[in-house]
Amino acid sequence: QVQLVESGGGLVQPGGSLRLSCAASGSIFRNNVMGWYRQAPGKQRELVATIRSGGDTDYADSVKGRFTISRVNANNTVYLQMNSLKPEDTAVYYCNVYYTMFRRVEYWGQGTQVTVSS
């Protein structure tokens, strides 16, 4: 049974920073992609950033230059450093991990609220 446990959300003023963490436990194929998605009220869930086990990253245009995704493969932990936060970054942020072994296997965290407001 794979579990993803997120932490680090909260309330921050515009221009501030937050760091999200997600620890994955259980049996996960070594070659995987970990990432962060977010969902704002009334909107669809959208990709924020992903990072492959080899280190390749991908970012949504809206967060490039402000957010940095990183990971520690040894303990299947992924981080999202969020700087220069804007009110439009307000959303529930979800951790995700997937790999392909004959089929796509995917897991989600429970989500953590990030609110950017003065």
C-alpha atoms as a PDB file:
ATOM      1  CA  GLN A   1       0.000   0.000   0.000  1.00  0.00           C
ATOM      2  CA  VAL A   2       1.500   3.313  -1.115  1.00  0.00           C
ATOM      3  CA  GLN A   3       0.793   6.453   0.891  1.00  0.00           C
ATOM      4  CA  LEU A   4       1.728  10.031   0.129  1.00  0.00           C
ATOM      5  CA  VAL A   5       1.819  12.396   3.085  1.00  0.00           C
ATOM      6  CA  GLU A   6       2.035  16.116   2.387  1.00  0.00           C
ATOM      7  CA  SER A   7       2.989  18.930   4.711  1.00  0.00           C
ATOM      8  CA  GLY A   8       3.927  22.597   4.609  1.00  0.00           C
ATOM      9  CA  GLY A   9       0.795  24.359   3.438  1.00  0.00           C
ATOM     10  CA  GLY A  10      -0.635  27.412   5.136  1.00  0.00           C
ATOM     11  CA  LEU A  11      -1.432  31.091   4.904  1.00  0.00           C
ATOM     12  CA  VAL A  12       1.157  33.474   3.497  1.00  0.00           C
ATOM     13  CA  GLN A  13       1.140  37.072   2.329  1.00  0.00           C
ATOM     14  CA  PRO A  14       1.698  37.957  -1.326  1.00  0.00           C
ATOM     15  CA  GLY A  15       5.387  37.904  -2.109  1.00  0.00           C
ATOM     16  CA  GLY A  16       6.054  35.353   0.599  1.00  0.00           C
ATOM     17  CA  SER A  17       7.400  31.818   0.440  1.00  0.00           C
ATOM     18  CA  LEU A  18       6.310  28.347   1.433  1.00  0.00           C
ATOM     19  CA  ARG A  19       7.885  24.925   1.115  1.00  0.00           C
ATOM     20  CA  LEU A  20       5.750  21.856   0.561  1.00  0.00           C
ATOM     21  CA  SER A  21       6.973  18.360   1.337  1.00  0.00           C
ATOM     22  CA  CYS A  22       5.600  14.976   0.330  1.00  0.00           C
ATOM     23  CA  ALA A  23       6.878  11.664   1.613  1.00  0.00           C
ATOM     24  CA  ALA A  24       5.894   8.487  -0.209  1.00  0.00           C
ATOM     25  CA  SER A  25       5.878   5.219   1.684  1.00  0.00           C
ATOM     26  CA  GLY A  26       5.335   1.724   0.387  1.00  0.00           C
ATOM     27  CA  SER A  27       6.570  -0.078  -2.688  1.00  0.00           C
ATOM     28  CA  ILE A  28       7.206   2.278  -5.610  1.00  0.00           C
ATOM     29  CA  PHE A  29       9.023   1.428  -8.794  1.00  0.00           C
ATOM     30  CA  ARG A  30      12.382   3.153  -8.787  1.00  0.00           C
ATOM     31  CA  ASN A  31      11.911   4.889 -12.163  1.00  0.00           C
ATOM     32  CA  ASN A  32       9.018   7.171 -11.386  1.00  0.00           C
ATOM     33  CA  VAL A  33       7.793  10.712 -11.768  1.00  0.00           C
ATOM     34  CA  MET A  34       6.857  12.737  -8.697  1.00  0.00           C
ATOM     35  CA  GLY A  35       4.993  15.967  -8.952  1.00  0.00           C
ATOM     36  CA  TRP A  36       2.694  18.602  -7.599  1.00  0.00           C
ATOM     37  CA  TYR A  37      -0.722  19.555  -8.914  1.00  0.00           C
ATOM     38  CA  ARG A  38      -3.147  22.138  -7.625  1.00  0.00           C
ATOM     39  CA  GLN A  39      -6.853  22.810  -7.713  1.00  0.00           C
ATOM     40  CA  ALA A  40      -8.398  26.188  -7.014  1.00  0.00           C
ATOM     41  CA  PRO A  41     -12.092  26.544  -6.163  1.00  0.00           C
ATOM     42  CA  GLY A  42     -14.235  26.144  -9.257  1.00  0.00           C
ATOM     43  CA  LYS A  43     -11.293  25.143 -11.420  1.00  0.00           C
ATOM     44  CA  GLN A  44      -9.848  21.911 -12.728  1.00  0.00           C
ATOM     45  CA  ARG A  45      -6.797  20.326 -11.201  1.00  0.00           C
ATOM     46  CA  GLU A  46      -3.678  21.506 -13.009  1.00  0.00           C
ATOM     47  CA  LEU A  47      -0.053  20.486 -13.152  1.00  0.00           C
ATOM     48  CA  VAL A  48       2.373  22.656 -11.204  1.00  0.00           C
ATOM     49  CA  ALA A  49       5.667  20.803 -11.565  1.00  0.00           C
ATOM     50  CA  THR A  50       7.065  17.309 -12.038  1.00  0.00           C
ATOM     51  CA  ILE A  51      10.445  15.727 -11.521  1.00  0.00           C
ATOM     52  CA  ARG A  52      11.676  12.394 -12.813  1.00  0.00           C
ATOM     53  CA  SER A  53      13.831  10.064 -10.770  1.00  0.00           C
ATOM     54  CA  GLY A  54      16.757  11.106 -12.988  1.00  0.00           C
ATOM     55  CA  GLY A  55      16.194  14.764 -12.127  1.00  0.00           C
ATOM     56  CA  ASP A  56      14.484  16.146 -15.246  1.00  0.00           C
ATOM     57  CA  THR A  57      11.895  18.757 -14.312  1.00  0.00           C
ATOM     58  CA  ASP A  58       8.875  20.337 -15.913  1.00  0.00           C
ATOM     59  CA  TYR A  59       6.950  23.409 -14.772  1.00  0.00           C
ATOM     60  CA  ALA A  60       3.710  25.134 -15.591  1.00  0.00           C
ATOM     61  CA  ASP A  61       4.367  28.475 -17.284  1.00  0.00           C
ATOM     62  CA  SER A  62       2.586  30.272 -14.457  1.00  0.00           C
ATOM     63  CA  VAL A  63       5.157  29.164 -11.867  1.00  0.00           C
ATOM     64  CA  LYS A  64       8.403  29.147 -13.862  1.00  0.00           C
ATOM     65  CA  GLY A  65      11.064  31.196 -12.142  1.00  0.00           C
ATOM     66  CA  ARG A  66       9.158  31.242  -8.857  1.00  0.00           C
ATOM     67  CA  PHE A  67       8.741  27.572  -7.873  1.00  0.00           C
ATOM     68  CA  THR A  68      11.412  24.901  -7.625  1.00  0.00           C
ATOM     69  CA  ILE A  69      10.736  21.183  -7.412  1.00  0.00           C
ATOM     70  CA  SER A  70      13.303  18.797  -5.959  1.00  0.00           C
ATOM     71  CA  ARG A  71      13.424  15.246  -4.658  1.00  0.00           C
ATOM     72  CA  VAL A  72      15.423  12.818  -2.567  1.00  0.00           C
ATOM     73  CA  ASN A  73      15.285   9.426  -4.252  1.00  0.00           C
ATOM     74  CA  ALA A  74      16.599   7.533  -1.233  1.00  0.00           C
ATOM     75  CA  ASN A  75      13.387   8.155   0.685  1.00  0.00           C
ATOM     76  CA  ASN A  76      10.939   8.999  -2.113  1.00  0.00           C
ATOM     77  CA  THR A  77      10.408  12.542  -0.911  1.00  0.00           C
ATOM     78  CA  VAL A  78       9.528  15.463  -3.140  1.00  0.00           C
ATOM     79  CA  TYR A  79       9.601  19.153  -2.277  1.00  0.00           C
ATOM     80  CA  LEU A  80       8.138  22.280  -3.790  1.00  0.00           C
ATOM     81  CA  GLN A  81       9.787  25.558  -2.880  1.00  0.00           C
ATOM     82  CA  MET A  82       7.364  28.367  -3.684  1.00  0.00           C
ATOM     83  CA  ASN A  83       8.677  31.925  -3.776  1.00  0.00           C
ATOM     84  CA  SER A  84       7.106  35.224  -4.787  1.00  0.00           C
ATOM     85  CA  LEU A  85       3.682  33.799  -4.107  1.00  0.00           C
ATOM     86  CA  LYS A  86       0.649  35.467  -5.653  1.00  0.00           C
ATOM     87  CA  PRO A  87      -3.025  35.353  -4.675  1.00  0.00           C
ATOM     88  CA  GLU A  88      -3.691  33.291  -7.802  1.00  0.00           C
ATOM     89  CA  ASP A  89      -1.471  30.560  -6.375  1.00  0.00           C
ATOM     90  CA  THR A  90      -4.147  29.905  -3.767  1.00  0.00           C
ATOM     91  CA  ALA A  91      -5.300  26.302  -4.138  1.00  0.00           C
ATOM     92  CA  VAL A  92      -5.189  22.846  -2.656  1.00  0.00           C
ATOM     93  CA  TYR A  93      -1.857  21.342  -3.646  1.00  0.00           C
ATOM     94  CA  TYR A  94      -1.676  17.606  -4.290  1.00  0.00           C
ATOM     95  CA  CYS A  95       1.364  15.385  -4.392  1.00  0.00           C
ATOM     96  CA  ASN A  96       1.469  12.739  -7.122  1.00  0.00           C
ATOM     97  CA  VAL A  97       3.714   9.852  -8.063  1.00  0.00           C
ATOM     98  CA  TYR A  98       3.362   7.608 -11.092  1.00  0.00           C
ATOM     99  CA  TYR A  99       5.259   5.004 -13.004  1.00  0.00           C
ATOM    100  CA  THR A 100       4.547   2.754 -15.940  1.00  0.00           C
ATOM    101  CA  MET A 101       4.830  -0.989 -15.637  1.00  0.00           C
ATOM    102  CA  PHE A 102       2.611  -2.573 -18.282  1.00  0.00           C
ATOM    103  CA  ARG A 103       0.127   0.123 -17.273  1.00  0.00           C
ATOM    104  CA  ARG A 104       0.206   3.518 -15.551  1.00  0.00           C
ATOM    105  CA  VAL A 105       0.241   3.199 -11.767  1.00  0.00           C
ATOM    106  CA  GLU A 106      -0.556   6.430  -9.974  1.00  0.00           C
ATOM    107  CA  TYR A 107      -0.963   7.630  -6.407  1.00  0.00           C
ATOM    108  CA  TRP A 108      -2.203  10.889  -4.909  1.00  0.00           C
ATOM    109  CA  GLY A 109      -1.778  12.605  -1.584  1.00  0.00           C
ATOM    110  CA  GLN A 110      -4.652  14.001   0.408  1.00  0.00           C
ATOM    111  CA  GLY A 111      -3.853  17.618  -0.470  1.00  0.00           C
ATOM    112  CA  THR A 112      -2.628  20.603   1.493  1.00  0.00           C
ATOM    113  CA  GLN A 113      -4.167  24.069   1.415  1.00  0.00           C
ATOM    114  CA  VAL A 114      -2.060  27.032   0.313  1.00  0.00           C
ATOM    115  CA  THR A 115      -3.655  30.442   0.761  1.00  0.00           C
ATOM    116  CA  VAL A 116      -1.960  33.622  -0.425  1.00  0.00           C
ATOM    117  CA  SER A 117      -3.674  36.653   1.007  1.00  0.00           C
ATOM    118  CA  SER A 118      -2.939  39.912   2.777  1.00  0.00           C
END
